[in-house]
Amino acid sequence: MATGYETFDLGEVTLQSGGTLPNARLACKSWGSLNAAGDNAILMPTFYTGTHVRNEAYIRRVPSLDPSRWFIVSIDMFGNGLSSSPSNTPPPFDGPRFPAVTLHDNVRCQHRLLTGVLGVKRLALVLGWSMAGCQSYQWGAQFPDMVAAILPFCAAARTSPHNKVFLEGVKAALLADSAFAGGDYRAPPEAGLRAFGRVYAGWAYSQAFYRERLHRELGFETWEELLLDWERDHLGWDANDLLAKLRTWQLGDISASERYGGDFERALGAIRARAILVPSTTDLYFPPEDNEIEARHMPNAELRPYVSDWGHCAATPSRKDGGFMRFLDGCVSELLAG
């Protein structure tokens, strides 16, 4: 259970889709204090099946994320069960009727919270894993004058067609459960949630991870034991929340706005922030090749792959191996040094 966080009311929010989200709210937690200039802030958005609670592990394990020096804010993404989500929004926008929310919508609302409520003038760094990293690209393109540096790891500035196909697969596994009932389920669709988690596990790690039986480092003697753990983990999530965030993920594209009109290269070129792009060399849905393309069009970006057999999960905050955290600390320290 997430504790020790604040919730901020945004009122009615008009979305990119043209629809509205009434009584919208964002949950967030902060560490440290904002300086008088309002420019020592670090933003950590949240990732797909995460909240600010899991982001706190990065703060504990990355010395450069030092709350005695920096004002660190983690804002929960719409759909994650703490901020406005299908599971906590009253009718008529509850459950499957929750409107489509984009990363652009998330970042615009985060900007309102940071500037209008918390007093932040400039972000020294925006960083994050997976969908949180996607939001760091979004911040760089959407508010280029406010962001000094971004550090997306295992992420991309646009959701690729192959990534969308992967997401269609896990979604189909959930929707196939008759108990899902079009999203108006009376009880959690457990068979669908288990299938969702089982399919997801095949993509979250690499082929080498399973070939070398690296799941034993997680305490699972067989890959079947690992799959069962992924099933149990996804039973703890509301099915409509999973689908709402999945839709946000599929819509990810920093150029999908009036400002850029779908011109992806122009949007990348507008990111003036210093950037270190960190793919995992074996990530199956955010492959290094995507980041290579991005780096060529970003004026202040460096591609710095992390060599790992752990696929997308090379960067998960729960991994006991500290190799990635030491690597991340070096990147954070470099960017904050300016």
Protein backbone atom coordinates (compact mmCIF):
# COMPACT_ATOMS: atom_id res chain seq x y z
CA MET A 1 0.00 0.00 0.00
CA ALA A 2 1.39 3.38 -1.02
CA THR A 3 1.63 5.82 1.89
CA GLY A 4 3.13 9.21 2.60
CA TYR A 5 2.14 10.89 -0.63
CA GLU A 6 -0.01 13.88 -1.56
CA THR A 7 -2.87 14.17 -4.02
CA PHE A 8 -3.51 17.36 -5.98
CA ASP A 9 -6.82 18.27 -7.60
CA LEU A 10 -6.66 19.59 -11.17
CA GLY A 11 -10.35 20.09 -11.84
CA GLU A 12 -11.65 19.28 -15.31
CA VAL A 13 -8.83 18.52 -17.74
CA THR A 14 -9.29 18.74 -21.50
CA LEU A 15 -7.38 15.92 -23.18
CA GLN A 16 -5.58 15.72 -26.51
CA SER A 17 -8.40 13.50 -27.76
CA GLY A 18 -10.88 16.35 -27.26
CA GLY A 19 -12.52 14.53 -24.38
CA THR A 20 -12.41 15.59 -20.76
CA LEU A 21 -11.35 14.07 -17.47
CA PRO A 22 -13.47 15.65 -14.73
CA ASN A 23 -12.13 16.04 -11.21
CA ALA A 24 -8.69 14.92 -12.34
CA ARG A 25 -6.04 14.42 -9.71
CA LEU A 26 -2.35 13.61 -9.58
CA ALA A 27 -0.62 11.78 -6.77
CA CYS A 28 3.02 12.53 -6.02
CA LYS A 29 5.72 12.27 -3.42
CA SER A 30 8.74 14.52 -2.93
CA TRP A 31 12.07 14.28 -1.17
CA GLY A 32 14.31 17.18 -0.19
CA SER A 33 13.58 20.90 -0.48
CA LEU A 34 13.20 23.32 -3.38
CA ASN A 35 15.77 26.10 -3.37
CA ALA A 36 14.90 29.79 -3.59
CA ALA A 37 15.60 29.87 -7.33
CA GLY A 38 13.27 26.92 -7.92
CA ASP A 39 15.83 25.21 -10.13
CA ASN A 40 17.20 22.26 -8.12
CA ALA A 41 14.28 19.97 -9.01
CA ILE A 42 14.58 16.44 -10.38
CA LEU A 43 11.49 14.77 -11.79
CA MET A 44 10.96 11.01 -11.79
CA PRO A 45 7.71 10.02 -13.55
CA THR A 46 6.35 6.51 -12.98
CA PHE A 47 6.50 3.47 -15.23
CA TYR A 48 3.94 0.91 -16.42
CA THR A 49 3.32 -1.23 -13.35
CA GLY A 50 4.87 1.16 -10.90
CA THR A 51 4.11 4.01 -8.55
CA HIS A 52 6.31 6.51 -6.74
CA VAL A 53 6.95 3.73 -4.21
CA ARG A 54 9.09 1.77 -6.65
CA ASN A 55 10.86 4.93 -7.81
CA GLU A 56 12.02 5.43 -4.24
CA ALA A 57 14.37 2.45 -4.72
CA TYR A 58 16.33 4.46 -7.29
CA ILE A 59 16.73 7.29 -4.80
CA ARG A 60 18.00 4.86 -2.16
CA ARG A 61 20.45 3.12 -4.49
CA VAL A 62 21.76 5.98 -6.68
CA PRO A 63 23.93 8.30 -4.53
CA SER A 64 23.72 11.19 -7.02
CA LEU A 65 19.97 11.36 -6.40
CA ASP A 66 20.69 13.10 -3.12
CA PRO A 67 17.66 14.70 -1.39
CA SER A 68 19.97 16.81 0.76
CA ARG A 69 20.93 18.67 -2.41
CA TRP A 70 18.06 18.10 -4.83
CA PHE A 71 14.30 18.46 -4.67
CA ILE A 72 13.19 15.12 -6.10
CA VAL A 73 9.58 14.70 -7.20
CA SER A 74 7.89 11.52 -8.39
CA ILE A 75 4.49 12.09 -10.01
CA ASP A 76 2.21 9.12 -10.55
CA MET A 77 1.01 8.58 -14.10
CA PHE A 78 -2.70 8.65 -14.89
CA GLY A 79 -4.07 5.12 -14.78
CA ASN A 80 -1.73 3.72 -12.12
CA GLY A 81 -4.38 3.52 -9.40
CA LEU A 82 -3.16 6.51 -7.36
CA SER A 83 -3.63 9.35 -9.83
CA SER A 84 -6.95 9.44 -11.71
CA SER A 85 -7.57 5.95 -13.07
CA PRO A 86 -10.41 3.72 -14.24
CA SER A 87 -10.44 2.09 -10.81
CA ASN A 88 -10.91 5.31 -8.79
CA THR A 89 -12.87 7.58 -11.14
CA PRO A 90 -16.63 7.78 -10.52
CA PRO A 91 -19.26 7.22 -13.26
CA PRO A 92 -19.62 8.02 -16.07
CA PHE A 93 -15.83 7.82 -16.60
CA ASP A 94 -15.18 4.72 -14.53
CA GLY A 95 -13.82 1.38 -15.71
CA PRO A 96 -13.79 0.92 -19.49
CA ARG A 97 -15.29 4.41 -19.95
CA PHE A 98 -12.10 6.10 -18.73
CA PRO A 99 -10.94 8.41 -21.55
CA ALA A 100 -7.79 7.93 -23.60
CA VAL A 101 -4.90 9.78 -21.94
CA THR A 102 -1.62 10.45 -23.74
CA LEU A 103 1.87 11.10 -22.43
CA HIS A 104 1.34 14.67 -23.66
CA ASP A 105 -1.70 14.92 -21.35
CA ASN A 106 0.32 13.49 -18.45
CA VAL A 107 3.21 15.90 -18.93
CA ARG A 108 0.97 18.94 -19.35
CA CYS A 109 -0.72 18.13 -16.03
CA GLN A 110 2.61 17.41 -14.35
CA HIS A 111 3.78 20.83 -15.54
CA ARG A 112 0.74 22.44 -13.92
CA LEU A 113 1.49 20.70 -10.64
CA LEU A 114 5.21 21.48 -10.63
CA THR A 115 4.96 25.14 -11.63
CA GLY A 116 1.59 26.16 -10.23
CA VAL A 117 1.65 24.30 -6.91
CA LEU A 118 5.21 23.27 -6.05
CA GLY A 119 6.93 26.40 -7.37
CA VAL A 120 9.42 24.70 -9.66
CA LYS A 121 10.97 27.06 -12.23
CA ARG A 122 13.35 24.69 -13.98
CA LEU A 123 14.02 20.95 -13.96
CA ALA A 124 17.66 19.99 -13.56
CA LEU A 125 16.87 16.46 -14.73
CA VAL A 126 13.98 14.26 -15.80
CA LEU A 127 14.77 10.57 -15.68
CA GLY A 128 13.08 7.22 -15.58
CA TRP A 129 12.75 3.61 -16.65
CA SER A 130 10.45 2.38 -19.42
CA MET A 131 7.30 4.54 -19.65
CA ALA A 132 8.89 6.96 -17.18
CA GLY A 133 11.74 7.35 -19.64
CA CYS A 134 9.24 7.92 -22.43
CA GLN A 135 7.88 10.79 -20.35
CA SER A 136 11.37 12.25 -20.01
CA TYR A 137 11.57 12.52 -23.83
CA GLN A 138 8.08 14.04 -23.76
CA TRP A 139 9.18 16.66 -21.24
CA GLY A 140 12.20 17.55 -23.37
CA ALA A 141 10.07 18.09 -26.48
CA GLN A 142 7.01 19.61 -24.82
CA PHE A 143 8.78 22.06 -22.48
CA PRO A 144 12.27 22.44 -23.99
CA ASP A 145 12.98 25.70 -22.15
CA MET A 146 12.31 24.19 -18.74
CA VAL A 147 14.39 21.00 -18.86
CA ALA A 148 18.17 21.06 -18.46
CA ALA A 149 18.80 17.32 -18.89
CA ILE A 150 16.98 14.05 -19.52
CA LEU A 151 18.02 10.48 -18.81
CA PRO A 152 15.63 7.92 -20.31
CA PHE A 153 16.65 4.30 -19.76
CA CYS A 154 15.02 1.35 -21.53
CA ALA A 155 12.62 3.77 -23.22
CA ALA A 156 11.94 5.55 -26.51
CA ALA A 157 10.59 8.84 -27.82
CA ARG A 158 7.96 7.02 -29.89
CA THR A 159 6.31 3.65 -29.46
CA SER A 160 7.43 1.54 -32.39
CA PRO A 161 5.07 -0.66 -34.47
CA HIS A 162 6.72 -3.80 -33.06
CA ASN A 163 6.24 -2.50 -29.52
CA LYS A 164 2.56 -1.90 -30.26
CA VAL A 165 2.22 -5.47 -31.52
CA PHE A 166 3.74 -6.76 -28.28
CA LEU A 167 1.19 -4.74 -26.32
CA GLU A 168 -1.66 -6.06 -28.46
CA GLY A 169 -0.58 -9.55 -27.47
CA VAL A 170 -0.76 -9.01 -23.71
CA LYS A 171 -4.01 -7.08 -24.13
CA ALA A 172 -5.59 -9.93 -26.12
CA ALA A 173 -4.64 -12.38 -23.38
CA LEU A 174 -6.58 -10.31 -20.85
CA LEU A 175 -9.60 -9.61 -23.05
CA ALA A 176 -9.99 -13.33 -23.85
CA ASP A 177 -11.20 -13.96 -20.30
CA SER A 178 -15.00 -13.99 -20.41
CA ALA A 179 -15.03 -12.65 -16.85
CA PHE A 180 -13.59 -9.39 -18.19
CA ALA A 181 -17.10 -8.64 -19.48
CA GLY A 182 -16.07 -5.71 -21.64
CA GLY A 183 -14.46 -4.06 -18.63
CA ASP A 184 -17.57 -4.18 -16.43
CA TYR A 185 -16.40 -7.17 -14.40
CA ARG A 186 -18.00 -7.95 -11.06
CA ALA A 187 -14.86 -9.63 -9.79
CA PRO A 188 -11.27 -9.43 -11.05
CA PRO A 189 -10.82 -11.41 -14.29
CA GLU A 190 -8.16 -13.62 -12.74
CA ALA A 191 -7.58 -15.94 -15.69
CA GLY A 192 -7.02 -12.95 -17.96
CA LEU A 193 -4.72 -11.23 -15.48
CA ARG A 194 -2.66 -14.40 -15.09
CA ALA A 195 -2.41 -14.76 -18.87
CA PHE A 196 -1.42 -11.10 -19.17
CA GLY A 197 1.45 -11.58 -16.72
CA ARG A 198 2.58 -14.86 -18.31
CA VAL A 199 2.77 -13.39 -21.81
CA TYR A 200 4.50 -10.25 -20.52
CA ALA A 201 7.29 -12.26 -18.88
CA GLY A 202 8.34 -13.64 -22.25
CA TRP A 203 9.08 -10.10 -23.46
CA ALA A 204 10.44 -8.51 -20.30
CA TYR A 205 13.60 -10.64 -20.32
CA SER A 206 15.86 -11.64 -23.18
CA GLN A 207 16.46 -14.96 -24.90
CA ALA A 208 19.86 -15.12 -23.21
CA PHE A 209 18.22 -14.59 -19.81
CA TYR A 210 16.21 -17.78 -20.19
CA ARG A 211 18.97 -19.71 -21.98
CA GLU A 212 21.45 -18.98 -19.17
CA ARG A 213 18.77 -19.61 -16.52
CA LEU A 214 19.35 -16.21 -14.97
CA HIS A 215 15.97 -16.53 -13.26
CA ARG A 216 17.85 -18.48 -10.60
CA GLU A 217 19.37 -15.16 -9.49
CA LEU A 218 15.82 -14.09 -8.66
CA GLY A 219 15.22 -17.21 -6.57
CA PHE A 220 13.33 -19.21 -9.21
CA GLU A 221 14.82 -22.57 -10.10
CA THR A 222 12.73 -22.92 -13.25
CA TRP A 223 11.25 -20.47 -15.72
CA GLU A 224 7.81 -21.81 -14.82
CA GLU A 225 8.29 -20.58 -11.26
CA LEU A 226 9.13 -17.16 -12.67
CA LEU A 227 5.97 -17.15 -14.80
CA LEU A 228 3.85 -18.03 -11.78
CA ASP A 229 5.37 -15.07 -9.93
CA TRP A 230 4.46 -12.77 -12.83
CA GLU A 231 0.91 -14.15 -12.68
CA ARG A 232 0.65 -13.38 -8.97
CA ASP A 233 2.05 -9.90 -9.45
CA HIS A 234 -0.52 -8.98 -12.10
CA LEU A 235 -3.38 -10.27 -9.95
CA GLY A 236 -2.71 -7.23 -7.77
CA TRP A 237 -3.59 -4.80 -10.57
CA ASP A 238 -6.97 -3.61 -11.72
CA ALA A 239 -7.53 -4.85 -15.28
CA ASN A 240 -8.95 -1.56 -16.56
CA ASP A 241 -6.01 0.34 -15.06
CA LEU A 242 -3.61 -1.95 -16.93
CA LEU A 243 -5.45 -1.31 -20.17
CA ALA A 244 -5.65 2.45 -19.67
CA LYS A 245 -1.87 2.69 -19.21
CA LEU A 246 -1.34 0.30 -22.10
CA ARG A 247 -3.33 2.62 -24.35
CA THR A 248 -1.21 5.55 -23.16
CA TRP A 249 1.91 3.54 -23.98
CA GLN A 250 0.68 2.67 -27.48
CA LEU A 251 -0.08 6.34 -28.18
CA GLY A 252 3.41 7.42 -27.16
CA ASP A 253 4.95 9.81 -29.70
CA ILE A 254 6.66 13.10 -28.83
CA SER A 255 5.69 14.53 -32.24
CA ALA A 256 1.95 13.84 -31.85
CA SER A 257 0.91 17.40 -31.10
CA GLU A 258 -0.13 20.62 -32.82
CA ARG A 259 3.37 21.93 -32.22
CA TYR A 260 5.13 19.23 -34.26
CA GLY A 261 2.33 17.86 -36.42
CA GLY A 262 3.76 14.35 -36.47
CA ASP A 263 7.23 15.46 -37.62
CA PHE A 264 9.27 13.12 -35.44
CA GLU A 265 12.69 14.37 -36.49
CA ARG A 266 11.65 17.97 -35.83
CA ALA A 267 10.42 17.03 -32.36
CA LEU A 268 13.69 15.26 -31.56
CA GLY A 269 15.64 18.25 -32.81
CA ALA A 270 13.69 20.52 -30.49
CA ILE A 271 14.97 18.69 -27.39
CA ARG A 272 17.72 21.05 -26.30
CA ALA A 273 18.31 19.30 -22.98
CA ARG A 274 21.55 17.44 -22.48
CA ALA A 275 20.62 13.79 -22.84
CA ILE A 276 22.11 10.39 -22.17
CA LEU A 277 20.05 7.66 -23.79
CA VAL A 278 20.50 4.30 -22.07
CA PRO A 279 19.05 1.24 -23.79
CA SER A 280 19.61 -2.28 -22.55
CA THR A 281 21.41 -4.15 -25.31
CA THR A 282 18.87 -7.00 -25.15
CA ASP A 283 15.64 -5.06 -24.61
CA LEU A 284 12.97 -6.67 -26.81
CA TYR A 285 10.54 -3.76 -27.03
CA PHE A 286 12.76 -0.70 -26.62
CA PRO A 287 15.75 -1.92 -28.67
CA PRO A 288 18.98 0.10 -28.92
CA GLU A 289 18.38 0.67 -32.64
CA ASP A 290 15.47 2.99 -31.83
CA ASN A 291 17.65 5.08 -29.54
CA GLU A 292 20.40 5.21 -32.15
CA ILE A 293 17.96 6.86 -34.56
CA GLU A 294 16.84 9.32 -31.88
CA ALA A 295 20.38 10.30 -30.91
CA ARG A 296 21.21 11.26 -34.49
CA HIS A 297 18.48 13.90 -34.47
CA MET A 298 18.91 15.25 -30.93
CA PRO A 299 21.43 18.10 -30.72
CA ASN A 300 22.82 17.29 -27.26
CA ALA A 301 22.33 13.54 -26.93
CA GLU A 302 24.75 10.70 -26.31
CA LEU A 303 23.85 7.03 -26.78
CA ARG A 304 25.24 4.97 -23.90
CA PRO A 305 23.97 1.35 -24.05
CA TYR A 306 24.08 -0.87 -20.97
CA VAL A 307 25.31 -4.35 -21.81
CA SER A 308 23.07 -6.92 -20.16
CA ASP A 309 21.34 -10.26 -20.74
CA TRP A 310 18.41 -9.15 -18.57
CA GLY A 311 16.47 -7.49 -21.39
CA HIS A 312 14.10 -4.72 -20.38
CA CYS A 313 14.43 -5.72 -16.73
CA ALA A 314 18.12 -4.82 -16.63
CA ALA A 315 17.03 -1.53 -15.07
CA THR A 316 14.25 -2.63 -12.73
CA PRO A 317 14.63 -0.98 -9.32
CA SER A 318 14.12 -4.29 -7.51
CA ARG A 319 17.19 -6.04 -8.96
CA LYS A 320 19.70 -6.90 -6.25
CA ASP A 321 22.68 -6.69 -8.63
CA GLY A 322 24.07 -3.19 -8.30
CA GLY A 323 25.75 -3.05 -11.70
CA PHE A 324 23.06 -1.03 -13.39
CA MET A 325 22.63 1.29 -10.41
CA ARG A 326 26.35 2.14 -10.48
CA PHE A 327 26.08 2.75 -14.23
CA LEU A 328 23.00 4.94 -13.70
CA ASP A 329 24.71 6.87 -10.91
CA GLY A 330 27.53 7.78 -13.26
CA CYS A 331 25.07 9.09 -15.84
CA VAL A 332 23.05 11.06 -13.28
CA SER A 333 26.19 12.58 -11.76
CA GLU A 334 27.47 13.63 -15.19
CA LEU A 335 24.22 15.30 -16.21
CA LEU A 336 23.73 17.11 -12.92
CA ALA A 337 27.30 18.42 -13.09
CA GLY A 338 26.29 20.28 -16.22
